[in-house]
């Protein structure tokens, strides 16, 4: 494998690690400094509010009785392993797809750490317009969202690199 390809993969792995570390540091800060469900107003449309989410996105299955912790853990482990292998196999020229996968992988692992360690995911970023609130989220969720948008952008911008449906 050429040195440039190895360096490229190391940069993407560094982005994964930075995403995980930034996510975990901010969650530790939020959990230690904020009072649960008591908003701290930052901007007219932004609060910092500590919440725990035992479910998945938008609190899906959050009241399911506990089994969902392990269900989401197994799914997250499988998806993370798949994304890691995919990322490591990508050619260097597919930088947009690599960026997208690194962000999704870093976010998935960040939330996986919470789920295994705590049994819930720590959320603290609260965006709203007046009294209409978007579900509270965290850095990992933001990385996953940006990564998903970049995956779509890569599909639109680079359709020739998408898998051939006939094969």
C-alpha atoms as a PDB file:
ATOM      1  CA  UNK A   1       0.000   0.000   0.000  1.00  0.00           C
ATOM      2  CA  UNK A   2       1.430   3.407  -0.958  1.00  0.00           C
ATOM      3  CA  UNK A   3       2.518   5.765   1.819  1.00  0.00           C
ATOM      4  CA  UNK A   4      -0.024   8.386   0.706  1.00  0.00           C
ATOM      5  CA  UNK A   5      -2.855   5.868   1.153  1.00  0.00           C
ATOM      6  CA  UNK A   6      -1.624   4.949   4.641  1.00  0.00           C
ATOM      7  CA  UNK A   7      -1.338   8.631   5.635  1.00  0.00           C
ATOM      8  CA  UNK A   8      -4.835   9.275   4.296  1.00  0.00           C
ATOM      9  CA  UNK A   9      -6.281   6.462   6.401  1.00  0.00           C
ATOM     10  CA  UNK A  10      -4.445   7.701   9.472  1.00  0.00           C
ATOM     11  CA  UNK A  11      -5.965  11.174   9.011  1.00  0.00           C
ATOM     12  CA  UNK A  12      -9.460   9.679   8.830  1.00  0.00           C
ATOM     13  CA  UNK A  13      -8.803   7.597  11.948  1.00  0.00           C
ATOM     14  CA  UNK A  14      -7.546  10.745  13.683  1.00  0.00           C
ATOM     15  CA  UNK A  15     -10.826  12.489  12.782  1.00  0.00           C
ATOM     16  CA  UNK A  16     -12.761   9.548  14.250  1.00  0.00           C
ATOM     17  CA  UNK A  17     -10.762   9.768  17.489  1.00  0.00           C
ATOM     18  CA  UNK A  18     -11.069  13.580  17.704  1.00  0.00           C
ATOM     19  CA  UNK A  19     -14.838  13.317  17.228  1.00  0.00           C
ATOM     20  CA  UNK A  20     -15.094  10.714  19.998  1.00  0.00           C
ATOM     21  CA  UNK A  21     -12.870  12.691  22.390  1.00  0.00           C
ATOM     22  CA  UNK A  22     -14.663  15.996  21.763  1.00  0.00           C
ATOM     23  CA  UNK A  23     -18.010  14.267  22.250  1.00  0.00           C
ATOM     24  CA  UNK A  24     -16.959  12.593  25.489  1.00  0.00           C
ATOM     25  CA  UNK A  25     -15.330  15.719  26.947  1.00  0.00           C
ATOM     26  CA  UNK A  26     -18.435  17.811  26.293  1.00  0.00           C
ATOM     27  CA  UNK A  27     -20.706  15.133  27.766  1.00  0.00           C
ATOM     28  CA  UNK A  28     -18.568  14.854  30.898  1.00  0.00           C
ATOM     29  CA  UNK A  29     -18.676  18.650  31.213  1.00  0.00           C
ATOM     30  CA  UNK A  30     -22.463  18.761  30.724  1.00  0.00           C
ATOM     31  CA  UNK A  31     -23.094  15.949  33.192  1.00  0.00           C
ATOM     32  CA  UNK A  32     -20.855  17.562  35.808  1.00  0.00           C
ATOM     33  CA  UNK A  33     -21.863  21.204  35.387  1.00  0.00           C
ATOM     34  CA  UNK A  34     -25.536  21.224  34.451  1.00  0.00           C
ATOM     35  CA  UNK A  35     -28.618  20.438  36.504  1.00  0.00           C
ATOM     36  CA  UNK A  36     -30.842  17.860  34.833  1.00  0.00           C
ATOM     37  CA  UNK A  37     -33.582  19.428  32.658  1.00  0.00           C
ATOM     38  CA  UNK A  38     -32.720  22.994  33.789  1.00  0.00           C
ATOM     39  CA  UNK A  39     -31.933  25.049  30.673  1.00  0.00           C
ATOM     40  CA  UNK A  40     -29.062  27.501  30.532  1.00  0.00           C
ATOM     41  CA  UNK A  41     -29.922  30.105  27.901  1.00  0.00           C
ATOM     42  CA  UNK A  42     -27.092  30.798  25.476  1.00  0.00           C
ATOM     43  CA  UNK A  43     -28.880  32.444  22.530  1.00  0.00           C
ATOM     44  CA  UNK A  44     -32.536  33.178  21.789  1.00  0.00           C
ATOM     45  CA  UNK A  45     -32.664  29.870  19.872  1.00  0.00           C
ATOM     46  CA  UNK A  46     -30.111  27.827  21.850  1.00  0.00           C
ATOM     47  CA  UNK A  47     -30.081  26.414  25.368  1.00  0.00           C
ATOM     48  CA  UNK A  48     -27.737  23.988  27.056  1.00  0.00           C
ATOM     49  CA  UNK A  49     -29.953  21.492  28.885  1.00  0.00           C
ATOM     50  CA  UNK A  50     -28.862  18.167  30.366  1.00  0.00           C
ATOM     51  CA  UNK A  51     -30.984  15.178  29.333  1.00  0.00           C
ATOM     52  CA  UNK A  52     -30.440  11.430  29.402  1.00  0.00           C
ATOM     53  CA  UNK A  53     -31.709   9.378  26.480  1.00  0.00           C
ATOM     54  CA  UNK A  54     -31.978   5.613  27.073  1.00  0.00           C
ATOM     55  CA  UNK A  55     -33.494   5.178  23.596  1.00  0.00           C
ATOM     56  CA  UNK A  56     -32.283   5.939  20.098  1.00  0.00           C
ATOM     57  CA  UNK A  57     -32.747   9.028  17.932  1.00  0.00           C
ATOM     58  CA  UNK A  58     -35.610  11.258  19.093  1.00  0.00           C
ATOM     59  CA  UNK A  59     -35.891   9.046  22.223  1.00  0.00           C
ATOM     60  CA  UNK A  60     -37.187   6.123  20.154  1.00  0.00           C
ATOM     61  CA  UNK A  61     -37.868   3.188  22.547  1.00  0.00           C
ATOM     62  CA  UNK A  62     -36.713   5.235  25.551  1.00  0.00           C
ATOM     63  CA  UNK A  63     -39.474   3.719  27.720  1.00  0.00           C
ATOM     64  CA  UNK A  64     -38.998   0.132  26.568  1.00  0.00           C
ATOM     65  CA  UNK A  65     -37.937  -1.266  29.937  1.00  0.00           C
ATOM     66  CA  UNK A  66     -34.161  -1.605  29.527  1.00  0.00           C
ATOM     67  CA  UNK A  67     -33.716  -4.237  26.816  1.00  0.00           C
ATOM     68  CA  UNK A  68     -33.194  -1.464  24.257  1.00  0.00           C
ATOM     69  CA  UNK A  69     -29.805  -0.623  25.816  1.00  0.00           C
ATOM     70  CA  UNK A  70     -28.316  -3.903  24.648  1.00  0.00           C
ATOM     71  CA  UNK A  71     -30.281  -3.933  21.399  1.00  0.00           C
ATOM     72  CA  UNK A  72     -28.876  -0.525  20.408  1.00  0.00           C
ATOM     73  CA  UNK A  73     -25.430  -1.518  21.674  1.00  0.00           C
ATOM     74  CA  UNK A  74     -25.318  -4.566  19.400  1.00  0.00           C
ATOM     75  CA  UNK A  75     -26.619  -2.578  16.417  1.00  0.00           C
ATOM     76  CA  UNK A  76     -24.105   0.208  17.074  1.00  0.00           C
ATOM     77  CA  UNK A  77     -21.219  -2.257  17.356  1.00  0.00           C
ATOM     78  CA  UNK A  78     -22.188  -3.919  14.081  1.00  0.00           C
ATOM     79  CA  UNK A  79     -22.671  -0.655  12.196  1.00  0.00           C
ATOM     80  CA  UNK A  80     -19.420   0.763  13.610  1.00  0.00           C
ATOM     81  CA  UNK A  81     -17.460  -2.311  12.529  1.00  0.00           C
ATOM     82  CA  UNK A  82     -18.990  -2.127   9.052  1.00  0.00           C
ATOM     83  CA  UNK A  83     -18.200   1.603   8.744  1.00  0.00           C
ATOM     84  CA  UNK A  84     -14.623   1.068   9.921  1.00  0.00           C
ATOM     85  CA  UNK A  85     -13.962  -1.653   7.342  1.00  0.00           C
ATOM     86  CA  UNK A  86     -15.613   0.443   4.613  1.00  0.00           C
ATOM     87  CA  UNK A  87     -13.559   3.504   5.573  1.00  0.00           C
ATOM     88  CA  UNK A  88     -10.286   1.573   5.621  1.00  0.00           C
ATOM     89  CA  UNK A  89     -10.973   0.096   2.168  1.00  0.00           C
ATOM     90  CA  UNK A  90     -11.776   3.376   0.424  1.00  0.00           C
ATOM     91  CA  UNK A  91      -9.275   4.715  -2.078  1.00  0.00           C
ATOM     92  CA  UNK A  92      -7.636   8.009  -1.173  1.00  0.00           C
ATOM     93  CA  UNK A  93      -9.462   9.912  -3.917  1.00  0.00           C
ATOM     94  CA  UNK A  94     -12.830   9.306  -2.243  1.00  0.00           C
ATOM     95  CA  UNK A  95     -12.185  11.984   0.373  1.00  0.00           C
ATOM     96  CA  UNK A  96     -15.793  13.206   0.681  1.00  0.00           C
ATOM     97  CA  UNK A  97     -17.094   9.715   1.358  1.00  0.00           C
ATOM     98  CA  UNK A  98     -14.198   9.126   3.763  1.00  0.00           C
ATOM     99  CA  UNK A  99     -15.015  12.343   5.633  1.00  0.00           C
ATOM    100  CA  UNK A 100     -18.670  11.341   5.868  1.00  0.00           C
ATOM    101  CA  UNK A 101     -17.887   7.844   7.159  1.00  0.00           C
ATOM    102  CA  UNK A 102     -15.333   9.150   9.686  1.00  0.00           C
ATOM    103  CA  UNK A 103     -17.893  11.561  11.166  1.00  0.00           C
ATOM    104  CA  UNK A 104     -20.655   8.940  11.327  1.00  0.00           C
ATOM    105  CA  UNK A 105     -18.256   6.406  12.845  1.00  0.00           C
ATOM    106  CA  UNK A 106     -16.925   8.862  15.456  1.00  0.00           C
ATOM    107  CA  UNK A 107     -20.457   9.862  16.431  1.00  0.00           C
ATOM    108  CA  UNK A 108     -21.681   6.279  16.607  1.00  0.00           C
ATOM    109  CA  UNK A 109     -18.789   5.255  18.852  1.00  0.00           C
ATOM    110  CA  UNK A 110     -19.248   8.351  21.044  1.00  0.00           C
ATOM    111  CA  UNK A 111     -22.866   7.416  21.738  1.00  0.00           C
ATOM    112  CA  UNK A 112     -21.948   3.729  22.061  1.00  0.00           C
ATOM    113  CA  UNK A 113     -19.510   4.590  24.860  1.00  0.00           C
ATOM    114  CA  UNK A 114     -22.310   6.341  26.780  1.00  0.00           C
ATOM    115  CA  UNK A 115     -24.760   3.523  26.228  1.00  0.00           C
ATOM    116  CA  UNK A 116     -22.319   0.853  27.488  1.00  0.00           C
ATOM    117  CA  UNK A 117     -20.894   2.936  30.342  1.00  0.00           C
ATOM    118  CA  UNK A 118     -24.056   4.658  31.569  1.00  0.00           C
ATOM    119  CA  UNK A 119     -27.054   2.876  30.065  1.00  0.00           C
ATOM    120  CA  UNK A 120     -28.144   6.103  28.366  1.00  0.00           C
ATOM    121  CA  UNK A 121     -26.754   8.782  26.075  1.00  0.00           C
ATOM    122  CA  UNK A 122     -26.047  12.245  27.468  1.00  0.00           C
ATOM    123  CA  UNK A 123     -27.667  15.005  25.407  1.00  0.00           C
ATOM    124  CA  UNK A 124     -27.316  18.708  26.148  1.00  0.00           C
ATOM    125  CA  UNK A 125     -27.672  20.905  23.038  1.00  0.00           C
ATOM    126  CA  UNK A 126     -31.198  22.272  22.820  1.00  0.00           C
ATOM    127  CA  UNK A 127     -32.282  24.258  19.767  1.00  0.00           C
ATOM    128  CA  UNK A 128     -35.684  25.919  19.684  1.00  0.00           C
ATOM    129  CA  UNK A 129     -37.802  28.562  18.038  1.00  0.00           C
ATOM    130  CA  UNK A 130     -40.015  30.164  20.639  1.00  0.00           C
ATOM    131  CA  UNK A 131     -41.701  27.281  22.428  1.00  0.00           C
ATOM    132  CA  UNK A 132     -41.052  24.758  19.600  1.00  0.00           C
ATOM    133  CA  UNK A 133     -38.108  22.578  20.618  1.00  0.00           C
ATOM    134  CA  UNK A 134     -36.023  20.254  18.468  1.00  0.00           C
ATOM    135  CA  UNK A 135     -35.002  17.105  20.410  1.00  0.00           C
ATOM    136  CA  UNK A 136     -31.925  17.688  22.553  1.00  0.00           C
ATOM    137  CA  UNK A 137     -28.738  16.290  21.016  1.00  0.00           C
ATOM    138  CA  UNK A 138     -24.958  16.116  21.504  1.00  0.00           C
ATOM    139  CA  UNK A 139     -21.701  16.391  19.523  1.00  0.00           C
ATOM    140  CA  UNK A 140     -21.910  12.739  18.430  1.00  0.00           C
ATOM    141  CA  UNK A 141     -25.413  13.285  17.050  1.00  0.00           C
ATOM    142  CA  UNK A 142     -24.223  16.392  15.211  1.00  0.00           C
ATOM    143  CA  UNK A 143     -21.291  14.455  13.700  1.00  0.00           C
ATOM    144  CA  UNK A 144     -23.636  11.667  12.588  1.00  0.00           C
ATOM    145  CA  UNK A 145     -26.008  14.201  11.016  1.00  0.00           C
ATOM    146  CA  UNK A 146     -23.250  16.085   9.181  1.00  0.00           C
ATOM    147  CA  UNK A 147     -21.766  12.751   8.066  1.00  0.00           C
ATOM    148  CA  UNK A 148     -25.151  11.590   6.740  1.00  0.00           C
ATOM    149  CA  UNK A 149     -25.568  14.858   4.807  1.00  0.00           C
ATOM    150  CA  UNK A 150     -22.083  14.395   3.350  1.00  0.00           C
ATOM    151  CA  UNK A 151     -22.968  10.802   2.374  1.00  0.00           C
ATOM    152  CA  UNK A 152     -25.922  12.136   0.415  1.00  0.00           C
ATOM    153  CA  UNK A 153     -23.752  14.865  -1.108  1.00  0.00           C
ATOM    154  CA  UNK A 154     -21.172  12.277  -2.161  1.00  0.00           C
ATOM    155  CA  UNK A 155     -23.864  10.168  -3.795  1.00  0.00           C
ATOM    156  CA  UNK A 156     -25.149  13.196  -5.723  1.00  0.00           C
ATOM    157  CA  UNK A 157     -21.726  14.599  -6.624  1.00  0.00           C
ATOM    158  CA  UNK A 158     -20.027  11.286  -7.401  1.00  0.00           C
ATOM    159  CA  UNK A 159     -22.692   8.958  -8.833  1.00  0.00           C
ATOM    160  CA  UNK A 160     -20.078   7.110 -10.889  1.00  0.00           C
ATOM    161  CA  UNK A 161     -18.492   5.788  -7.666  1.00  0.00           C
ATOM    162  CA  UNK A 162     -21.781   4.429  -6.282  1.00  0.00           C
ATOM    163  CA  UNK A 163     -22.100   0.627  -6.349  1.00  0.00           C
ATOM    164  CA  UNK A 164     -23.535  -0.729  -9.595  1.00  0.00           C
ATOM    165  CA  UNK A 165     -27.043  -2.008  -8.893  1.00  0.00           C
ATOM    166  CA  UNK A 166     -26.764  -4.622 -11.632  1.00  0.00           C
ATOM    167  CA  UNK A 167     -23.801  -6.395 -10.077  1.00  0.00           C
END
